[in-house]
């Protein structure tokens, strides 16, 4: 009876610590399929029907981390937008936000998913009066498909903003009004094993093997 209880306790010690979740903030890797780790100077003016009607911010998660991810809890994407050219413009603005992998935009990507559609009169043309918009992917099927594509791309993906009506500015990566939150960002919440957790699991496995060895010796 004591042996069975010991095995159960040690098994829990082995498995539970590995199940912790980690929020991974993706690093920026350029715009519209470009590399170099940064975009050209912004802000970026998007105009429906114009030469620049969409913008894709490229991100990357280290492939070493991607390999450890077995599933995702959610994905968050944040952007900053504001009205153009002045705060007296009350015309309707609308745009779509896409998650893309393996391409410059949603129409050419090997994987794409519409995260959300925004329709509103945006805030005025000044740095203290902007809209911080966050879209979240939490469906299990969408997360599973995205993770599969993410592994094939070795951690590279993009967040695309597509103008569907009016003109507006799209901000650079910077801090929001709270001075902490990034208004242009992408991050995933994934259950990844940490070194401390792996160490605890290793101790549990050693203890389990020692217990079984003593049982067999008897």
C-alpha atoms as a PDB file:
ATOM      1  CA  UNK A   1       0.000   0.000   0.000  1.00  0.00           C
ATOM      2  CA  UNK A   2       2.842   2.367   0.945  1.00  0.00           C
ATOM      3  CA  UNK A   3       4.648   1.455  -2.301  1.00  0.00           C
ATOM      4  CA  UNK A   4       1.618   2.358  -4.422  1.00  0.00           C
ATOM      5  CA  UNK A   5       1.192   5.674  -2.639  1.00  0.00           C
ATOM      6  CA  UNK A   6       4.875   6.468  -3.176  1.00  0.00           C
ATOM      7  CA  UNK A   7       4.670   5.710  -6.896  1.00  0.00           C
ATOM      8  CA  UNK A   8       1.543   7.886  -7.261  1.00  0.00           C
ATOM      9  CA  UNK A   9       3.163  10.802  -5.424  1.00  0.00           C
ATOM     10  CA  UNK A  10       6.373  10.607  -7.442  1.00  0.00           C
ATOM     11  CA  UNK A  11       4.452  10.336 -10.734  1.00  0.00           C
ATOM     12  CA  UNK A  12       2.630  13.570  -9.904  1.00  0.00           C
ATOM     13  CA  UNK A  13       6.004  15.154  -9.071  1.00  0.00           C
ATOM     14  CA  UNK A  14       7.235  14.147 -12.526  1.00  0.00           C
ATOM     15  CA  UNK A  15       4.328  15.396 -14.610  1.00  0.00           C
ATOM     16  CA  UNK A  16       2.744  18.441 -12.990  1.00  0.00           C
ATOM     17  CA  UNK A  17       5.673  20.915 -13.151  1.00  0.00           C
ATOM     18  CA  UNK A  18       6.031  20.549 -16.931  1.00  0.00           C
ATOM     19  CA  UNK A  19       2.501  21.846 -17.569  1.00  0.00           C
ATOM     20  CA  UNK A  20       3.170  25.532 -16.790  1.00  0.00           C
ATOM     21  CA  UNK A  21       2.211  28.217 -19.345  1.00  0.00           C
ATOM     22  CA  UNK A  22       4.555  30.903 -20.690  1.00  0.00           C
ATOM     23  CA  UNK A  23       3.664  34.102 -22.555  1.00  0.00           C
ATOM     24  CA  UNK A  24       6.092  34.579 -25.446  1.00  0.00           C
ATOM     25  CA  UNK A  25       6.368  38.092 -26.894  1.00  0.00           C
ATOM     26  CA  UNK A  26       7.377  37.853 -30.541  1.00  0.00           C
ATOM     27  CA  UNK A  27      10.288  39.927 -31.815  1.00  0.00           C
ATOM     28  CA  UNK A  28       9.690  42.299 -34.794  1.00  0.00           C
ATOM     29  CA  UNK A  29      11.426  41.212 -38.001  1.00  0.00           C
ATOM     30  CA  UNK A  30      10.489  43.864 -40.547  1.00  0.00           C
ATOM     31  CA  UNK A  31       7.466  44.823 -42.633  1.00  0.00           C
ATOM     32  CA  UNK A  32       5.753  43.401 -45.714  1.00  0.00           C
ATOM     33  CA  UNK A  33       7.986  40.355 -45.861  1.00  0.00           C
ATOM     34  CA  UNK A  34      11.211  42.274 -45.260  1.00  0.00           C
ATOM     35  CA  UNK A  35      13.927  41.294 -42.782  1.00  0.00           C
ATOM     36  CA  UNK A  36      16.390  43.281 -40.739  1.00  0.00           C
ATOM     37  CA  UNK A  37      14.481  43.372 -37.467  1.00  0.00           C
ATOM     38  CA  UNK A  38      12.770  46.740 -38.054  1.00  0.00           C
ATOM     39  CA  UNK A  39      10.513  48.690 -40.418  1.00  0.00           C
ATOM     40  CA  UNK A  40      11.138  51.983 -42.193  1.00  0.00           C
ATOM     41  CA  UNK A  41      10.154  55.058 -40.238  1.00  0.00           C
ATOM     42  CA  UNK A  42       6.429  55.437 -39.631  1.00  0.00           C
ATOM     43  CA  UNK A  43       3.669  56.282 -39.193  1.00  0.00           C
ATOM     44  CA  UNK A  44       2.130  54.510 -42.156  1.00  0.00           C
ATOM     45  CA  UNK A  45      -0.772  56.095 -44.020  1.00  0.00           C
ATOM     46  CA  UNK A  46      -3.249  53.552 -45.385  1.00  0.00           C
ATOM     47  CA  UNK A  47      -5.837  54.598 -47.980  1.00  0.00           C
ATOM     48  CA  UNK A  48      -8.562  52.332 -49.311  1.00  0.00           C
ATOM     49  CA  UNK A  49      -8.107  51.964 -53.069  1.00  0.00           C
ATOM     50  CA  UNK A  50      -4.756  53.757 -52.954  1.00  0.00           C
ATOM     51  CA  UNK A  51      -1.187  52.595 -53.531  1.00  0.00           C
ATOM     52  CA  UNK A  52      -0.819  51.694 -49.842  1.00  0.00           C
ATOM     53  CA  UNK A  53      -3.983  50.010 -48.633  1.00  0.00           C
ATOM     54  CA  UNK A  54      -2.427  47.400 -46.328  1.00  0.00           C
ATOM     55  CA  UNK A  55       0.549  46.874 -44.053  1.00  0.00           C
ATOM     56  CA  UNK A  56       2.023  43.633 -42.690  1.00  0.00           C
ATOM     57  CA  UNK A  57       4.187  43.685 -39.578  1.00  0.00           C
ATOM     58  CA  UNK A  58       6.505  40.679 -39.528  1.00  0.00           C
ATOM     59  CA  UNK A  59       7.280  38.861 -36.286  1.00  0.00           C
ATOM     60  CA  UNK A  60       9.382  35.901 -35.232  1.00  0.00           C
ATOM     61  CA  UNK A  61       9.572  33.542 -32.296  1.00  0.00           C
ATOM     62  CA  UNK A  62      12.906  31.703 -31.893  1.00  0.00           C
ATOM     63  CA  UNK A  63      12.654  28.321 -33.604  1.00  0.00           C
ATOM     64  CA  UNK A  64      14.133  26.686 -30.491  1.00  0.00           C
ATOM     65  CA  UNK A  65      11.077  27.849 -28.545  1.00  0.00           C
ATOM     66  CA  UNK A  66       8.609  26.938 -31.285  1.00  0.00           C
ATOM     67  CA  UNK A  67       9.884  23.345 -31.248  1.00  0.00           C
ATOM     68  CA  UNK A  68       8.913  23.048 -27.569  1.00  0.00           C
ATOM     69  CA  UNK A  69       5.309  24.191 -28.088  1.00  0.00           C
ATOM     70  CA  UNK A  70       2.781  21.342 -28.179  1.00  0.00           C
ATOM     71  CA  UNK A  71      -0.320  23.574 -28.258  1.00  0.00           C
ATOM     72  CA  UNK A  72      -1.306  27.219 -27.753  1.00  0.00           C
ATOM     73  CA  UNK A  73      -3.707  28.731 -25.240  1.00  0.00           C
ATOM     74  CA  UNK A  74      -4.208  31.952 -27.226  1.00  0.00           C
ATOM     75  CA  UNK A  75      -2.583  34.526 -29.490  1.00  0.00           C
ATOM     76  CA  UNK A  76      -2.825  38.299 -29.082  1.00  0.00           C
ATOM     77  CA  UNK A  77      -2.100  40.962 -31.708  1.00  0.00           C
ATOM     78  CA  UNK A  78      -2.121  44.681 -30.964  1.00  0.00           C
ATOM     79  CA  UNK A  79      -1.948  47.726 -33.270  1.00  0.00           C
ATOM     80  CA  UNK A  80      -2.290  51.485 -32.937  1.00  0.00           C
ATOM     81  CA  UNK A  81      -4.381  53.558 -35.375  1.00  0.00           C
ATOM     82  CA  UNK A  82      -5.632  57.122 -35.568  1.00  0.00           C
ATOM     83  CA  UNK A  83      -7.511  59.452 -37.885  1.00  0.00           C
ATOM     84  CA  UNK A  84      -6.024  61.269 -40.869  1.00  0.00           C
ATOM     85  CA  UNK A  85      -5.409  64.106 -41.590  1.00  0.00           C
ATOM     86  CA  UNK A  86      -7.126  65.930 -38.705  1.00  0.00           C
ATOM     87  CA  UNK A  87      -9.414  65.324 -35.758  1.00  0.00           C
ATOM     88  CA  UNK A  88     -12.334  67.106 -37.446  1.00  0.00           C
ATOM     89  CA  UNK A  89     -12.647  64.291 -39.986  1.00  0.00           C
ATOM     90  CA  UNK A  90     -15.630  62.184 -38.876  1.00  0.00           C
ATOM     91  CA  UNK A  91     -15.888  59.935 -41.934  1.00  0.00           C
ATOM     92  CA  UNK A  92     -16.137  56.204 -41.339  1.00  0.00           C
ATOM     93  CA  UNK A  93     -12.933  54.174 -41.273  1.00  0.00           C
ATOM     94  CA  UNK A  94     -12.810  50.380 -41.372  1.00  0.00           C
ATOM     95  CA  UNK A  95     -10.128  47.711 -41.628  1.00  0.00           C
ATOM     96  CA  UNK A  96      -9.447  44.013 -41.181  1.00  0.00           C
ATOM     97  CA  UNK A  97      -6.665  42.419 -39.120  1.00  0.00           C
ATOM     98  CA  UNK A  98      -5.213  39.151 -40.455  1.00  0.00           C
ATOM     99  CA  UNK A  99      -2.804  36.579 -39.074  1.00  0.00           C
ATOM    100  CA  UNK A 100      -0.518  35.383 -41.898  1.00  0.00           C
ATOM    101  CA  UNK A 101       2.261  32.825 -42.226  1.00  0.00           C
ATOM    102  CA  UNK A 102       4.464  32.191 -45.263  1.00  0.00           C
ATOM    103  CA  UNK A 103       3.641  35.282 -47.322  1.00  0.00           C
ATOM    104  CA  UNK A 104       3.546  39.060 -47.519  1.00  0.00           C
ATOM    105  CA  UNK A 105      -0.235  39.361 -47.230  1.00  0.00           C
ATOM    106  CA  UNK A 106      -3.362  37.290 -46.626  1.00  0.00           C
ATOM    107  CA  UNK A 107      -3.960  36.670 -50.328  1.00  0.00           C
ATOM    108  CA  UNK A 108      -0.513  35.134 -50.957  1.00  0.00           C
ATOM    109  CA  UNK A 109       0.222  33.528 -47.573  1.00  0.00           C
ATOM    110  CA  UNK A 110       0.362  29.756 -47.186  1.00  0.00           C
ATOM    111  CA  UNK A 111      -1.778  30.281 -44.065  1.00  0.00           C
ATOM    112  CA  UNK A 112      -4.048  33.217 -43.222  1.00  0.00           C
ATOM    113  CA  UNK A 113      -6.822  33.857 -40.719  1.00  0.00           C
ATOM    114  CA  UNK A 114      -9.064  36.889 -40.163  1.00  0.00           C
ATOM    115  CA  UNK A 115      -8.572  37.946 -36.525  1.00  0.00           C
ATOM    116  CA  UNK A 116     -11.070  40.790 -36.518  1.00  0.00           C
ATOM    117  CA  UNK A 117     -12.874  43.586 -38.373  1.00  0.00           C
ATOM    118  CA  UNK A 118     -12.873  47.143 -37.003  1.00  0.00           C
ATOM    119  CA  UNK A 119     -15.340  49.838 -38.096  1.00  0.00           C
ATOM    120  CA  UNK A 120     -15.335  53.226 -36.359  1.00  0.00           C
ATOM    121  CA  UNK A 121     -14.501  56.920 -36.498  1.00  0.00           C
ATOM    122  CA  UNK A 122     -10.917  56.944 -35.286  1.00  0.00           C
ATOM    123  CA  UNK A 123      -9.361  59.361 -32.836  1.00  0.00           C
ATOM    124  CA  UNK A 124      -7.757  62.665 -33.780  1.00  0.00           C
ATOM    125  CA  UNK A 125      -4.397  63.240 -35.411  1.00  0.00           C
ATOM    126  CA  UNK A 126      -2.239  63.705 -32.316  1.00  0.00           C
ATOM    127  CA  UNK A 127      -0.020  61.432 -30.236  1.00  0.00           C
ATOM    128  CA  UNK A 128      -2.166  61.645 -27.128  1.00  0.00           C
ATOM    129  CA  UNK A 129      -5.406  60.606 -28.804  1.00  0.00           C
ATOM    130  CA  UNK A 130      -4.992  57.237 -30.535  1.00  0.00           C
ATOM    131  CA  UNK A 131      -6.823  53.917 -30.594  1.00  0.00           C
ATOM    132  CA  UNK A 132      -5.056  50.868 -29.173  1.00  0.00           C
ATOM    133  CA  UNK A 133      -6.729  47.791 -30.656  1.00  0.00           C
ATOM    134  CA  UNK A 134      -6.090  44.210 -29.539  1.00  0.00           C
ATOM    135  CA  UNK A 135      -7.415  41.103 -31.289  1.00  0.00           C
ATOM    136  CA  UNK A 136      -7.272  37.642 -29.704  1.00  0.00           C
ATOM    137  CA  UNK A 137      -7.281  34.180 -31.279  1.00  0.00           C
ATOM    138  CA  UNK A 138      -8.526  31.558 -28.837  1.00  0.00           C
ATOM    139  CA  UNK A 139     -10.355  28.893 -30.887  1.00  0.00           C
ATOM    140  CA  UNK A 140      -8.675  25.493 -30.616  1.00  0.00           C
ATOM    141  CA  UNK A 141      -8.954  24.758 -34.364  1.00  0.00           C
ATOM    142  CA  UNK A 142      -7.504  28.143 -35.346  1.00  0.00           C
ATOM    143  CA  UNK A 143      -4.663  27.835 -32.848  1.00  0.00           C
ATOM    144  CA  UNK A 144      -3.855  24.304 -33.989  1.00  0.00           C
ATOM    145  CA  UNK A 145      -3.679  25.335 -37.650  1.00  0.00           C
ATOM    146  CA  UNK A 146      -1.582  28.399 -36.805  1.00  0.00           C
ATOM    147  CA  UNK A 147       0.865  26.350 -34.710  1.00  0.00           C
ATOM    148  CA  UNK A 148       1.330  23.842 -37.539  1.00  0.00           C
ATOM    149  CA  UNK A 149       2.075  26.680 -39.978  1.00  0.00           C
ATOM    150  CA  UNK A 150       4.326  28.414 -37.430  1.00  0.00           C
ATOM    151  CA  UNK A 151       6.496  25.305 -37.063  1.00  0.00           C
ATOM    152  CA  UNK A 152       6.855  24.986 -40.841  1.00  0.00           C
ATOM    153  CA  UNK A 153       7.925  28.646 -41.046  1.00  0.00           C
ATOM    154  CA  UNK A 154      10.408  28.182 -38.148  1.00  0.00           C
ATOM    155  CA  UNK A 155       8.717  30.831 -36.031  1.00  0.00           C
ATOM    156  CA  UNK A 156       8.074  33.542 -38.634  1.00  0.00           C
ATOM    157  CA  UNK A 157       4.595  35.071 -39.070  1.00  0.00           C
ATOM    158  CA  UNK A 158       2.887  38.406 -39.683  1.00  0.00           C
ATOM    159  CA  UNK A 159       0.000  40.621 -38.587  1.00  0.00           C
ATOM    160  CA  UNK A 160      -1.610  42.421 -41.540  1.00  0.00           C
ATOM    161  CA  UNK A 161      -3.883  45.472 -41.376  1.00  0.00           C
ATOM    162  CA  UNK A 162      -6.036  45.863 -44.509  1.00  0.00           C
ATOM    163  CA  UNK A 163      -7.852  49.168 -45.100  1.00  0.00           C
ATOM    164  CA  UNK A 164     -11.423  48.550 -46.295  1.00  0.00           C
ATOM    165  CA  UNK A 165     -12.763  52.133 -46.080  1.00  0.00           C
ATOM    166  CA  UNK A 166     -11.323  55.646 -45.670  1.00  0.00           C
ATOM    167  CA  UNK A 167      -7.779  56.746 -44.780  1.00  0.00           C
ATOM    168  CA  UNK A 168      -5.976  56.492 -41.449  1.00  0.00           C
ATOM    169  CA  UNK A 169      -2.553  56.276 -39.842  1.00  0.00           C
ATOM    170  CA  UNK A 170      -1.068  53.053 -38.563  1.00  0.00           C
ATOM    171  CA  UNK A 171       1.466  53.516 -35.759  1.00  0.00           C
ATOM    172  CA  UNK A 172       4.919  52.150 -35.136  1.00  0.00           C
ATOM    173  CA  UNK A 173       5.805  49.777 -32.292  1.00  0.00           C
ATOM    174  CA  UNK A 174       5.770  51.943 -29.165  1.00  0.00           C
ATOM    175  CA  UNK A 175       4.324  52.163 -25.680  1.00  0.00           C
ATOM    176  CA  UNK A 176       0.669  52.892 -25.112  1.00  0.00           C
ATOM    177  CA  UNK A 177      -0.823  55.615 -22.916  1.00  0.00           C
ATOM    178  CA  UNK A 178      -0.090  53.537 -19.797  1.00  0.00           C
ATOM    179  CA  UNK A 179       3.647  53.676 -20.576  1.00  0.00           C
ATOM    180  CA  UNK A 180       3.912  49.894 -20.346  1.00  0.00           C
ATOM    181  CA  UNK A 181       1.751  48.139 -22.951  1.00  0.00           C
ATOM    182  CA  UNK A 182       3.092  47.773 -26.474  1.00  0.00           C
ATOM    183  CA  UNK A 183       0.468  49.047 -28.891  1.00  0.00           C
ATOM    184  CA  UNK A 184       1.944  47.145 -31.828  1.00  0.00           C
ATOM    185  CA  UNK A 185       2.815  43.668 -30.686  1.00  0.00           C
ATOM    186  CA  UNK A 186       2.193  39.962 -31.087  1.00  0.00           C
ATOM    187  CA  UNK A 187       2.454  37.318 -28.375  1.00  0.00           C
ATOM    188  CA  UNK A 188       1.409  33.718 -27.780  1.00  0.00           C
ATOM    189  CA  UNK A 189       0.452  31.964 -24.560  1.00  0.00           C
ATOM    190  CA  UNK A 190       1.928  28.474 -24.703  1.00  0.00           C
ATOM    191  CA  UNK A 191       2.598  25.643 -22.220  1.00  0.00           C
ATOM    192  CA  UNK A 192       6.372  25.352 -22.526  1.00  0.00           C
ATOM    193  CA  UNK A 193       8.651  23.487 -20.101  1.00  0.00           C
ATOM    194  CA  UNK A 194      10.984  25.714 -18.107  1.00  0.00           C
ATOM    195  CA  UNK A 195      14.454  24.635 -16.864  1.00  0.00           C
ATOM    196  CA  UNK A 196      13.248  24.536 -13.245  1.00  0.00           C
ATOM    197  CA  UNK A 197      10.256  22.440 -14.229  1.00  0.00           C
ATOM    198  CA  UNK A 198      12.421  20.032 -16.193  1.00  0.00           C
ATOM    199  CA  UNK A 199      14.753  19.752 -13.209  1.00  0.00           C
ATOM    200  CA  UNK A 200      11.845  18.936 -10.909  1.00  0.00           C
ATOM    201  CA  UNK A 201      10.569  16.369 -13.401  1.00  0.00           C
ATOM    202  CA  UNK A 202      14.058  14.837 -13.552  1.00  0.00           C
ATOM    203  CA  UNK A 203      14.195  14.522  -9.762  1.00  0.00           C
ATOM    204  CA  UNK A 204      10.794  12.857  -9.843  1.00  0.00           C
ATOM    205  CA  UNK A 205      11.915  10.352 -12.476  1.00  0.00           C
ATOM    206  CA  UNK A 206      15.059   9.512 -10.503  1.00  0.00           C
ATOM    207  CA  UNK A 207      12.996   8.972  -7.356  1.00  0.00           C
ATOM    208  CA  UNK A 208      10.561   6.764  -9.273  1.00  0.00           C
ATOM    209  CA  UNK A 209      13.375   4.627 -10.670  1.00  0.00           C
ATOM    210  CA  UNK A 210      14.957   4.300  -7.193  1.00  0.00           C
ATOM    211  CA  UNK A 211      11.642   3.209  -5.678  1.00  0.00           C
ATOM    212  CA  UNK A 212      11.088   0.602  -8.395  1.00  0.00           C
ATOM    213  CA  UNK A 213      14.677  -0.646  -8.003  1.00  0.00           C
ATOM    214  CA  UNK A 214      14.196  -1.194  -4.281  1.00  0.00           C
ATOM    215  CA  UNK A 215      10.884  -2.981  -4.926  1.00  0.00           C
ATOM    216  CA  UNK A 216      12.488  -5.337  -7.468  1.00  0.00           C
ATOM    217  CA  UNK A 217      15.427  -6.030  -5.141  1.00  0.00           C
ATOM    218  CA  UNK A 218      13.038  -7.338  -2.499  1.00  0.00           C
END
